[in-house]
Amino acid sequence: MTYQTRILLGLWGCTVLWGLCAGLPAMAEEAPPSVHADGSPKLNYVLGAVVSNGPDYAGGDGRSSHLSPSWALEYGRFRLSTSRGSTLMGHGLEQRESGATAILAESDRFSLSASLRLDNGRKNSDSPRLAGLPEVRSTVRARVSAGYAITPRWSVGAGLSQDILGRDGGAQLNTSVSYTLPVTQQTRMVFGAGASFGDRTYLRARFGVPAVAGGAGAARLPAYEPGGGLYSVDLGVDVMTALNRHWVVWGGVGVSQVQGDARRSPLTVRPTGYSASLGLAYRCCR
């Protein structure tokens, strides 16, 4: 990818944020949350599991597979969930984020939320290439997310998060654009593209190699200190089918590419990574 293309991707991220700000007037007519006939909030939930396969870490040359739960609990404007569970709950305007979330404003087109989520960091055991490096410590991130539906099929989103425990997690910005294609009444496909940005602290933790005495880096890698900026772009497609009123099955494939200073890191062996997932879930009671 050329330098000019990376500049255009950065401008695209700014355009997404501008579009979100332009959509703020849509907050004037907020849609009420899911409620019972008497006006009290409903308790909605999703329970399922997902099998996924992807790179052992961003830029790594190994692969790993995982079987993980997919769930979400929602009551009024509050939600506790895993990332996939949040999406299956029906909030198509939002980023696929996990954690404890409060919806601050919501309408037919616009959604604004605040959340706390656990960042699991990265362990040295994830890949032999990480041996000898400091581990990326787990932390808690505070996040503000917004989404805006340009049309019934096109939507944009952005989420800004910050490490609030001071564990060198730094700040991270994710932007996205997606297109939803209804295939049948029960099946839909979602095509998405995104760009991720991090500050210097975030990229140093994920892609830096600290210097040791004598100037050599850990794990016999050259010392490296990245700056902040664009570090990843990605493309993906998800397919979701409702088997009946409650059961839903989905699958997805994606490709991501490490960019900028992160791509020049000694830890980046394969800049382009591919991932796939397949899952089944039970939904109630929207």
C-alpha atoms as a PDB file:
ATOM      1  CA  MET A   1       0.000   0.000   0.000  1.00  0.00           C
ATOM      2  CA  THR A   2       1.450   3.362  -1.054  1.00  0.00           C
ATOM      3  CA  TYR A   3       2.086   6.342   1.197  1.00  0.00           C
ATOM      4  CA  GLN A   4      -0.592   8.299  -0.686  1.00  0.00           C
ATOM      5  CA  THR A   5      -3.122   5.554  -0.054  1.00  0.00           C
ATOM      6  CA  ARG A   6      -2.381   5.619   3.679  1.00  0.00           C
ATOM      7  CA  ILE A   7      -2.954   9.379   3.686  1.00  0.00           C
ATOM      8  CA  LEU A   8      -6.319   8.870   1.967  1.00  0.00           C
ATOM      9  CA  LEU A   9      -7.284   6.274   4.573  1.00  0.00           C
ATOM     10  CA  GLY A  10      -6.474   8.741   7.323  1.00  0.00           C
ATOM     11  CA  LEU A  11      -8.594  11.399   5.615  1.00  0.00           C
ATOM     12  CA  TRP A  12     -11.372   8.825   5.279  1.00  0.00           C
ATOM     13  CA  GLY A  13     -11.288   8.288   9.041  1.00  0.00           C
ATOM     14  CA  CYS A  14     -11.646  12.032   9.607  1.00  0.00           C
ATOM     15  CA  THR A  15     -14.545  12.113   7.141  1.00  0.00           C
ATOM     16  CA  VAL A  16     -16.313   9.389   9.102  1.00  0.00           C
ATOM     17  CA  LEU A  17     -15.972  11.407  12.298  1.00  0.00           C
ATOM     18  CA  TRP A  18     -17.264  14.521  10.530  1.00  0.00           C
ATOM     19  CA  GLY A  19     -20.248  12.528   9.278  1.00  0.00           C
ATOM     20  CA  LEU A  20     -21.038  11.403  12.802  1.00  0.00           C
ATOM     21  CA  CYS A  21     -20.990  14.973  14.064  1.00  0.00           C
ATOM     22  CA  ALA A  22     -23.276  15.998  11.212  1.00  0.00           C
ATOM     23  CA  GLY A  23     -25.723  13.339  12.359  1.00  0.00           C
ATOM     24  CA  LEU A  24     -26.086  14.743  15.885  1.00  0.00           C
ATOM     25  CA  PRO A  25     -29.415  16.480  15.063  1.00  0.00           C
ATOM     26  CA  ALA A  26     -30.926  13.015  14.657  1.00  0.00           C
ATOM     27  CA  MET A  27     -30.785  12.747  18.448  1.00  0.00           C
ATOM     28  CA  ALA A  28     -33.717  15.126  18.713  1.00  0.00           C
ATOM     29  CA  GLU A  29     -36.238  12.320  18.193  1.00  0.00           C
ATOM     30  CA  GLU A  30     -34.897   9.445  20.228  1.00  0.00           C
ATOM     31  CA  ALA A  31     -36.362   5.966  19.826  1.00  0.00           C
ATOM     32  CA  PRO A  32     -37.512   4.410  23.116  1.00  0.00           C
ATOM     33  CA  PRO A  33     -35.743   1.262  24.322  1.00  0.00           C
ATOM     34  CA  SER A  34     -37.413  -2.158  24.105  1.00  0.00           C
ATOM     35  CA  VAL A  35     -40.271  -2.088  26.644  1.00  0.00           C
ATOM     36  CA  HIS A  36     -43.297  -4.064  27.841  1.00  0.00           C
ATOM     37  CA  ALA A  37     -46.822  -2.876  27.169  1.00  0.00           C
ATOM     38  CA  ASP A  38     -46.884  -1.130  30.583  1.00  0.00           C
ATOM     39  CA  GLY A  39     -43.737   0.826  29.692  1.00  0.00           C
ATOM     40  CA  SER A  40     -41.262  -1.137  31.848  1.00  0.00           C
ATOM     41  CA  PRO A  41     -37.984  -2.249  30.175  1.00  0.00           C
ATOM     42  CA  LYS A  42     -37.645  -5.788  28.838  1.00  0.00           C
ATOM     43  CA  LEU A  43     -34.803  -8.110  29.778  1.00  0.00           C
ATOM     44  CA  ASN A  44     -33.317  -9.304  26.491  1.00  0.00           C
ATOM     45  CA  TYR A  45     -30.493 -11.788  26.159  1.00  0.00           C
ATOM     46  CA  VAL A  46     -28.322 -13.720  23.707  1.00  0.00           C
ATOM     47  CA  LEU A  47     -26.591 -17.018  24.516  1.00  0.00           C
ATOM     48  CA  GLY A  48     -24.291 -18.784  22.072  1.00  0.00           C
ATOM     49  CA  ALA A  49     -20.794 -19.843  21.097  1.00  0.00           C
ATOM     50  CA  VAL A  50     -18.371 -18.968  18.316  1.00  0.00           C
ATOM     51  CA  VAL A  51     -15.382 -20.813  16.809  1.00  0.00           C
ATOM     52  CA  SER A  52     -12.727 -18.514  15.350  1.00  0.00           C
ATOM     53  CA  ASN A  53      -9.348 -18.818  13.675  1.00  0.00           C
ATOM     54  CA  GLY A  54      -6.868 -16.022  13.008  1.00  0.00           C
ATOM     55  CA  PRO A  55      -3.331 -14.695  13.481  1.00  0.00           C
ATOM     56  CA  ASP A  56      -1.781 -15.291  16.917  1.00  0.00           C
ATOM     57  CA  TYR A  57      -1.281 -11.503  17.144  1.00  0.00           C
ATOM     58  CA  ALA A  58      -1.490  -8.552  14.746  1.00  0.00           C
ATOM     59  CA  GLY A  59       1.418  -8.976  12.321  1.00  0.00           C
ATOM     60  CA  GLY A  60       2.336 -12.445  13.605  1.00  0.00           C
ATOM     61  CA  ASP A  61       3.156 -15.399  11.363  1.00  0.00           C
ATOM     62  CA  GLY A  62       1.368 -18.024  13.475  1.00  0.00           C
ATOM     63  CA  ARG A  63      -2.303 -18.885  13.798  1.00  0.00           C
ATOM     64  CA  SER A  64      -4.572 -19.881  16.645  1.00  0.00           C
ATOM     65  CA  SER A  65      -8.130 -21.188  17.024  1.00  0.00           C
ATOM     66  CA  HIS A  66     -10.553 -20.469  19.845  1.00  0.00           C
ATOM     67  CA  LEU A  67     -13.960 -21.601  21.054  1.00  0.00           C
ATOM     68  CA  SER A  68     -15.518 -18.783  23.063  1.00  0.00           C
ATOM     69  CA  PRO A  69     -18.934 -17.868  24.468  1.00  0.00           C
ATOM     70  CA  SER A  70     -21.097 -15.254  22.769  1.00  0.00           C
ATOM     71  CA  TRP A  71     -23.633 -13.641  25.081  1.00  0.00           C
ATOM     72  CA  ALA A  72     -25.352 -10.402  25.977  1.00  0.00           C
ATOM     73  CA  LEU A  73     -27.783  -9.147  28.608  1.00  0.00           C
ATOM     74  CA  GLU A  74     -29.788  -5.994  27.992  1.00  0.00           C
ATOM     75  CA  TYR A  75     -32.164  -4.116  30.273  1.00  0.00           C
ATOM     76  CA  GLY A  76     -33.407  -0.761  29.094  1.00  0.00           C
ATOM     77  CA  ARG A  77     -30.419   1.335  28.065  1.00  0.00           C
ATOM     78  CA  PHE A  78     -27.853  -0.881  29.812  1.00  0.00           C
ATOM     79  CA  ARG A  79     -26.053  -3.887  28.363  1.00  0.00           C
ATOM     80  CA  LEU A  80     -23.405  -6.388  29.459  1.00  0.00           C
ATOM     81  CA  SER A  81     -21.936  -8.441  26.631  1.00  0.00           C
ATOM     82  CA  THR A  82     -19.182 -10.015  24.617  1.00  0.00           C
ATOM     83  CA  SER A  83     -18.448  -8.338  21.276  1.00  0.00           C
ATOM     84  CA  ARG A  84     -20.382 -10.710  19.026  1.00  0.00           C
ATOM     85  CA  GLY A  85     -23.252 -10.922  21.507  1.00  0.00           C
ATOM     86  CA  SER A  86     -23.674  -7.157  21.356  1.00  0.00           C
ATOM     87  CA  THR A  87     -24.041  -7.248  17.581  1.00  0.00           C
ATOM     88  CA  LEU A  88     -26.510 -10.143  17.630  1.00  0.00           C
ATOM     89  CA  MET A  89     -28.677  -8.218  20.085  1.00  0.00           C
ATOM     90  CA  GLY A  90     -29.617  -6.012  17.161  1.00  0.00           C
ATOM     91  CA  HIS A  91     -27.552  -2.845  17.569  1.00  0.00           C
ATOM     92  CA  GLY A  92     -26.333  -2.625  13.993  1.00  0.00           C
ATOM     93  CA  LEU A  93     -25.181   0.986  14.338  1.00  0.00           C
ATOM     94  CA  GLU A  94     -22.647   0.244  17.045  1.00  0.00           C
ATOM     95  CA  GLN A  95     -19.111  -1.070  17.080  1.00  0.00           C
ATOM     96  CA  ARG A  96     -18.703  -4.738  18.032  1.00  0.00           C
ATOM     97  CA  GLU A  97     -17.513  -4.067  21.530  1.00  0.00           C
ATOM     98  CA  SER A  98     -17.688  -6.010  24.743  1.00  0.00           C
ATOM     99  CA  GLY A  99     -18.172  -4.896  28.319  1.00  0.00           C
ATOM    100  CA  ALA A 100     -20.676  -2.864  30.303  1.00  0.00           C
ATOM    101  CA  THR A 101     -22.431  -0.349  28.065  1.00  0.00           C
ATOM    102  CA  ALA A 102     -24.914   2.472  28.617  1.00  0.00           C
ATOM    103  CA  ILE A 103     -26.787   3.889  25.620  1.00  0.00           C
ATOM    104  CA  LEU A 104     -26.669   7.664  25.985  1.00  0.00           C
ATOM    105  CA  ALA A 105     -28.813   8.506  22.964  1.00  0.00           C
ATOM    106  CA  GLU A 106     -30.545   6.440  20.303  1.00  0.00           C
ATOM    107  CA  SER A 107     -32.815   7.116  17.354  1.00  0.00           C
ATOM    108  CA  ASP A 108     -33.671   5.395  14.079  1.00  0.00           C
ATOM    109  CA  ARG A 109     -30.384   6.639  12.608  1.00  0.00           C
ATOM    110  CA  PHE A 110     -28.061   7.651  15.407  1.00  0.00           C
ATOM    111  CA  SER A 111     -26.616   5.857  18.420  1.00  0.00           C
ATOM    112  CA  LEU A 112     -24.264   7.153  21.102  1.00  0.00           C
ATOM    113  CA  SER A 113     -22.979   4.972  23.953  1.00  0.00           C
ATOM    114  CA  ALA A 114     -20.369   4.844  26.697  1.00  0.00           C
ATOM    115  CA  SER A 115     -18.808   1.637  27.972  1.00  0.00           C
ATOM    116  CA  LEU A 116     -16.179   0.002  30.145  1.00  0.00           C
ATOM    117  CA  ARG A 117     -14.474  -3.040  28.677  1.00  0.00           C
ATOM    118  CA  LEU A 118     -11.653  -5.404  29.573  1.00  0.00           C
ATOM    119  CA  ASP A 119      -8.593  -5.344  27.311  1.00  0.00           C
ATOM    120  CA  ASN A 120      -6.888  -8.718  27.777  1.00  0.00           C
ATOM    121  CA  GLY A 121      -3.559  -7.432  26.490  1.00  0.00           C
ATOM    122  CA  ARG A 122      -1.081  -9.942  25.053  1.00  0.00           C
ATOM    123  CA  LYS A 123       0.934 -12.755  26.609  1.00  0.00           C
ATOM    124  CA  ASN A 124       4.423 -13.852  25.626  1.00  0.00           C
ATOM    125  CA  SER A 125       3.068 -17.387  25.232  1.00  0.00           C
ATOM    126  CA  ASP A 126       0.922 -16.229  22.298  1.00  0.00           C
ATOM    127  CA  SER A 127       3.898 -16.623  19.941  1.00  0.00           C
ATOM    128  CA  PRO A 128       7.567 -17.733  20.164  1.00  0.00           C
ATOM    129  CA  ARG A 129       8.568 -14.391  18.604  1.00  0.00           C
ATOM    130  CA  LEU A 130       7.223 -12.563  21.663  1.00  0.00           C
ATOM    131  CA  ALA A 131       9.482 -14.463  24.091  1.00  0.00           C
ATOM    132  CA  GLY A 132      11.593 -12.090  26.148  1.00  0.00           C
ATOM    133  CA  LEU A 133       9.414  -9.051  25.480  1.00  0.00           C
ATOM    134  CA  PRO A 134       7.386  -7.290  28.178  1.00  0.00           C
ATOM    135  CA  GLU A 135       3.819  -8.557  28.222  1.00  0.00           C
ATOM    136  CA  VAL A 136       1.014  -6.197  27.213  1.00  0.00           C
ATOM    137  CA  ARG A 137      -0.806  -5.980  30.526  1.00  0.00           C
ATOM    138  CA  SER A 138      -4.552  -6.434  30.720  1.00  0.00           C
ATOM    139  CA  THR A 139      -6.437  -3.260  31.602  1.00  0.00           C
ATOM    140  CA  VAL A 140      -9.846  -1.594  31.610  1.00  0.00           C
ATOM    141  CA  ARG A 141     -10.768   0.778  28.799  1.00  0.00           C
ATOM    142  CA  ALA A 142     -13.340   3.552  28.872  1.00  0.00           C
ATOM    143  CA  ARG A 143     -14.914   3.934  25.451  1.00  0.00           C
ATOM    144  CA  VAL A 144     -17.292   6.325  23.699  1.00  0.00           C
ATOM    145  CA  SER A 145     -18.900   4.966  20.522  1.00  0.00           C
ATOM    146  CA  ALA A 146     -21.180   6.502  17.922  1.00  0.00           C
ATOM    147  CA  GLY A 147     -22.936   5.189  14.836  1.00  0.00           C
ATOM    148  CA  TYR A 148     -24.958   6.841  12.084  1.00  0.00           C
ATOM    149  CA  ALA A 149     -27.107   5.231   9.381  1.00  0.00           C
ATOM    150  CA  ILE A 150     -26.643   7.247   6.194  1.00  0.00           C
ATOM    151  CA  THR A 151     -29.281   5.108   4.443  1.00  0.00           C
ATOM    152  CA  PRO A 152     -31.112   1.918   5.479  1.00  0.00           C
ATOM    153  CA  ARG A 153     -28.127  -0.029   4.102  1.00  0.00           C
ATOM    154  CA  TRP A 154     -25.110   2.232   4.582  1.00  0.00           C
ATOM    155  CA  SER A 155     -23.797   3.161   8.044  1.00  0.00           C
ATOM    156  CA  VAL A 156     -20.641   4.586   9.599  1.00  0.00           C
ATOM    157  CA  GLY A 157     -19.249   4.275  13.110  1.00  0.00           C
ATOM    158  CA  ALA A 158     -16.412   5.387  15.351  1.00  0.00           C
ATOM    159  CA  GLY A 159     -15.190   4.497  18.813  1.00  0.00           C
ATOM    160  CA  LEU A 160     -12.557   6.179  20.996  1.00  0.00           C
ATOM    161  CA  SER A 161     -11.126   4.279  23.983  1.00  0.00           C
ATOM    162  CA  GLN A 162      -8.592   5.054  26.699  1.00  0.00           C
ATOM    163  CA  ASP A 163      -6.746   2.904  29.235  1.00  0.00           C
ATOM    164  CA  ILE A 164      -8.006   4.149  32.606  1.00  0.00           C
ATOM    165  CA  LEU A 165      -5.741   2.047  34.856  1.00  0.00           C
ATOM    166  CA  GLY A 166      -2.453   3.544  33.670  1.00  0.00           C
ATOM    167  CA  ARG A 167      -1.067   0.233  32.384  1.00  0.00           C
ATOM    168  CA  ASP A 168       0.534   1.671  29.241  1.00  0.00           C
ATOM    169  CA  GLY A 169      -2.543   0.848  27.164  1.00  0.00           C
ATOM    170  CA  GLY A 170      -2.797   4.323  25.647  1.00  0.00           C
ATOM    171  CA  ALA A 171      -5.632   5.540  23.442  1.00  0.00           C
ATOM    172  CA  GLN A 172      -7.201   3.869  20.422  1.00  0.00           C
ATOM    173  CA  LEU A 173      -9.594   5.086  17.700  1.00  0.00           C
ATOM    174  CA  ASN A 174     -11.579   2.745  15.436  1.00  0.00           C
ATOM    175  CA  THR A 175     -13.596   3.928  12.434  1.00  0.00           C
ATOM    176  CA  SER A 176     -15.812   1.840  10.151  1.00  0.00           C
ATOM    177  CA  VAL A 177     -18.232   1.880   7.244  1.00  0.00           C
ATOM    178  CA  SER A 178     -20.619  -0.983   6.444  1.00  0.00           C
ATOM    179  CA  TYR A 179     -23.188  -2.033   3.865  1.00  0.00           C
ATOM    180  CA  THR A 180     -26.035  -4.426   4.713  1.00  0.00           C
ATOM    181  CA  LEU A 181     -27.468  -6.605   1.937  1.00  0.00           C
ATOM    182  CA  PRO A 182     -30.752  -8.446   2.668  1.00  0.00           C
ATOM    183  CA  VAL A 183     -30.471 -11.775   0.827  1.00  0.00           C
ATOM    184  CA  THR A 184     -33.797 -13.245   1.990  1.00  0.00           C
ATOM    185  CA  GLN A 185     -36.252 -12.391   4.746  1.00  0.00           C
ATOM    186  CA  GLN A 186     -34.174 -14.536   7.137  1.00  0.00           C
ATOM    187  CA  THR A 187     -30.651 -13.918   5.803  1.00  0.00           C
ATOM    188  CA  ARG A 188     -28.497 -10.835   5.492  1.00  0.00           C
ATOM    189  CA  MET A 189     -24.900 -10.080   4.539  1.00  0.00           C
ATOM    190  CA  VAL A 190     -22.879  -7.232   5.994  1.00  0.00           C
ATOM    191  CA  PHE A 191     -19.805  -5.926   4.161  1.00  0.00           C
ATOM    192  CA  GLY A 192     -17.500  -3.757   6.240  1.00  0.00           C
ATOM    193  CA  ALA A 193     -14.264  -1.780   6.088  1.00  0.00           C
ATOM    194  CA  GLY A 194     -12.405  -0.101   8.911  1.00  0.00           C
ATOM    195  CA  ALA A 195      -9.309   1.750   9.995  1.00  0.00           C
ATOM    196  CA  SER A 196      -7.655   1.735  13.433  1.00  0.00           C
ATOM    197  CA  PHE A 197      -5.449   4.408  14.971  1.00  0.00           C
ATOM    198  CA  GLY A 198      -3.413   4.401  18.173  1.00  0.00           C
ATOM    199  CA  ASP A 199      -1.364   6.919  20.103  1.00  0.00           C
ATOM    200  CA  ARG A 200       2.347   6.461  20.770  1.00  0.00           C
ATOM    201  CA  THR A 201       1.747   4.647  24.062  1.00  0.00           C
ATOM    202  CA  TYR A 202      -0.598   2.105  22.450  1.00  0.00           C
ATOM    203  CA  LEU A 203       1.730   1.331  19.546  1.00  0.00           C
ATOM    204  CA  ARG A 204       4.834   1.100  21.762  1.00  0.00           C
ATOM    205  CA  ALA A 205       3.121  -1.568  23.871  1.00  0.00           C
ATOM    206  CA  ARG A 206       1.923  -3.597  20.872  1.00  0.00           C
ATOM    207  CA  PHE A 207       4.688  -3.124  18.299  1.00  0.00           C
ATOM    208  CA  GLY A 208       7.687  -1.712  20.174  1.00  0.00           C
ATOM    209  CA  VAL A 209      10.858  -3.582  21.143  1.00  0.00           C
ATOM    210  CA  PRO A 210      12.527  -2.014  24.215  1.00  0.00           C
ATOM    211  CA  ALA A 211      16.294  -1.497  24.216  1.00  0.00           C
ATOM    212  CA  VAL A 212      18.445  -3.214  26.827  1.00  0.00           C
ATOM    213  CA  ALA A 213      22.036  -2.686  27.993  1.00  0.00           C
ATOM    214  CA  GLY A 214      24.369  -2.419  25.019  1.00  0.00           C
ATOM    215  CA  GLY A 215      21.615  -1.268  22.670  1.00  0.00           C
ATOM    216  CA  ALA A 216      20.202  -4.646  21.690  1.00  0.00           C
ATOM    217  CA  GLY A 217      16.493  -5.343  21.847  1.00  0.00           C
ATOM    218  CA  ALA A 218      14.715  -8.051  23.779  1.00  0.00           C
ATOM    219  CA  ALA A 219      14.472 -11.538  22.262  1.00  0.00           C
ATOM    220  CA  ARG A 220      17.480 -10.720  20.008  1.00  0.00           C
ATOM    221  CA  LEU A 221      15.315  -8.342  17.961  1.00  0.00           C
ATOM    222  CA  PRO A 222      16.502  -4.826  17.065  1.00  0.00           C
ATOM    223  CA  ALA A 223      15.222  -2.140  19.426  1.00  0.00           C
ATOM    224  CA  TYR A 224      12.262  -0.275  17.941  1.00  0.00           C
ATOM    225  CA  GLU A 225      10.056   2.578  19.120  1.00  0.00           C
ATOM    226  CA  PRO A 226       7.028   3.377  16.923  1.00  0.00           C
ATOM    227  CA  GLY A 227       5.096   6.620  16.904  1.00  0.00           C
ATOM    228  CA  GLY A 228       1.327   7.063  16.903  1.00  0.00           C
ATOM    229  CA  GLY A 229      -1.046   7.050  13.926  1.00  0.00           C
ATOM    230  CA  LEU A 230      -2.808   4.642  11.586  1.00  0.00           C
ATOM    231  CA  TYR A 231      -1.766   1.076  12.352  1.00  0.00           C
ATOM    232  CA  SER A 232      -4.362  -1.197  10.700  1.00  0.00           C
ATOM    233  CA  VAL A 233      -6.979  -1.354   7.940  1.00  0.00           C
ATOM    234  CA  ASP A 234      -9.430  -4.207   7.497  1.00  0.00           C
ATOM    235  CA  LEU A 235     -12.154  -5.628   5.261  1.00  0.00           C
ATOM    236  CA  GLY A 236     -14.737  -8.276   6.116  1.00  0.00           C
ATOM    237  CA  VAL A 237     -18.071  -9.871   5.330  1.00  0.00           C
ATOM    238  CA  ASP A 238     -20.537 -11.506   7.736  1.00  0.00           C
ATOM    239  CA  VAL A 239     -23.538 -13.679   6.888  1.00  0.00           C
ATOM    240  CA  MET A 240     -26.339 -14.155   9.432  1.00  0.00           C
ATOM    241  CA  THR A 241     -29.391 -16.398   9.092  1.00  0.00           C
ATOM    242  CA  ALA A 242     -32.356 -16.649  11.457  1.00  0.00           C
ATOM    243  CA  LEU A 243     -33.240 -20.337  11.699  1.00  0.00           C
ATOM    244  CA  ASN A 244     -36.462 -19.461  13.520  1.00  0.00           C
ATOM    245  CA  ARG A 245     -37.733 -16.789  15.906  1.00  0.00           C
ATOM    246  CA  HIS A 246     -34.969 -17.432  18.457  1.00  0.00           C
ATOM    247  CA  TRP A 247     -32.065 -19.319  16.881  1.00  0.00           C
ATOM    248  CA  VAL A 248     -29.529 -17.611  14.629  1.00  0.00           C
ATOM    249  CA  VAL A 249     -26.397 -18.902  12.885  1.00  0.00           C
ATOM    250  CA  TRP A 250     -23.670 -16.714  11.461  1.00  0.00           C
ATOM    251  CA  GLY A 251     -20.267 -16.845   9.838  1.00  0.00           C
ATOM    252  CA  GLY A 252     -17.679 -14.330   8.769  1.00  0.00           C
ATOM    253  CA  VAL A 253     -14.328 -13.882   7.037  1.00  0.00           C
ATOM    254  CA  GLY A 254     -11.986 -10.917   7.212  1.00  0.00           C
ATOM    255  CA  VAL A 255      -8.621  -9.603   6.160  1.00  0.00           C
ATOM    256  CA  SER A 256      -6.545  -6.995   7.991  1.00  0.00           C
ATOM    257  CA  GLN A 257      -3.278  -5.300   7.113  1.00  0.00           C
ATOM    258  CA  VAL A 258      -0.802  -3.677   9.506  1.00  0.00           C
ATOM    259  CA  GLN A 259       0.148  -0.144   8.459  1.00  0.00           C
ATOM    260  CA  GLY A 260       2.547   2.697   9.236  1.00  0.00           C
ATOM    261  CA  ASP A 261       5.110   2.392  12.030  1.00  0.00           C
ATOM    262  CA  ALA A 262       3.457  -0.834  13.158  1.00  0.00           C
ATOM    263  CA  ARG A 263       4.273  -2.428   9.816  1.00  0.00           C
ATOM    264  CA  ARG A 264       7.944  -1.503  10.152  1.00  0.00           C
ATOM    265  CA  SER A 265       8.186  -3.177  13.571  1.00  0.00           C
ATOM    266  CA  PRO A 266      10.445  -6.235  13.965  1.00  0.00           C
ATOM    267  CA  LEU A 267       7.376  -7.957  15.440  1.00  0.00           C
ATOM    268  CA  THR A 268       5.465  -7.648  12.159  1.00  0.00           C
ATOM    269  CA  VAL A 269       6.304 -10.748  10.149  1.00  0.00           C
ATOM    270  CA  ARG A 270       3.138 -11.026   8.056  1.00  0.00           C
ATOM    271  CA  PRO A 271       1.494  -7.619   7.598  1.00  0.00           C
ATOM    272  CA  THR A 272      -1.638  -9.170   6.085  1.00  0.00           C
ATOM    273  CA  GLY A 273      -3.702 -11.527   8.207  1.00  0.00           C
ATOM    274  CA  TYR A 274      -6.867 -13.529   7.536  1.00  0.00           C
ATOM    275  CA  SER A 275      -9.551 -14.642   9.986  1.00  0.00           C
ATOM    276  CA  ALA A 276     -12.765 -16.657   9.974  1.00  0.00           C
ATOM    277  CA  SER A 277     -15.513 -17.394  12.498  1.00  0.00           C
ATOM    278  CA  LEU A 278     -18.664 -19.497  12.795  1.00  0.00           C
ATOM    279  CA  GLY A 279     -21.275 -19.381  15.535  1.00  0.00           C
ATOM    280  CA  LEU A 280     -24.729 -20.312  16.813  1.00  0.00           C
ATOM    281  CA  ALA A 281     -26.839 -18.376  19.302  1.00  0.00           C
ATOM    282  CA  TYR A 282     -30.255 -18.238  20.994  1.00  0.00           C
ATOM    283  CA  ARG A 283     -31.931 -14.821  21.224  1.00  0.00           C
ATOM    284  CA  CYS A 284     -34.734 -13.650  23.487  1.00  0.00           C
ATOM    285  CA  CYS A 285     -36.942 -11.595  23.845  1.00  0.00           C
ATOM    286  CA  ARG A 286     -36.993  -8.721  21.348  1.00  0.00           C
END
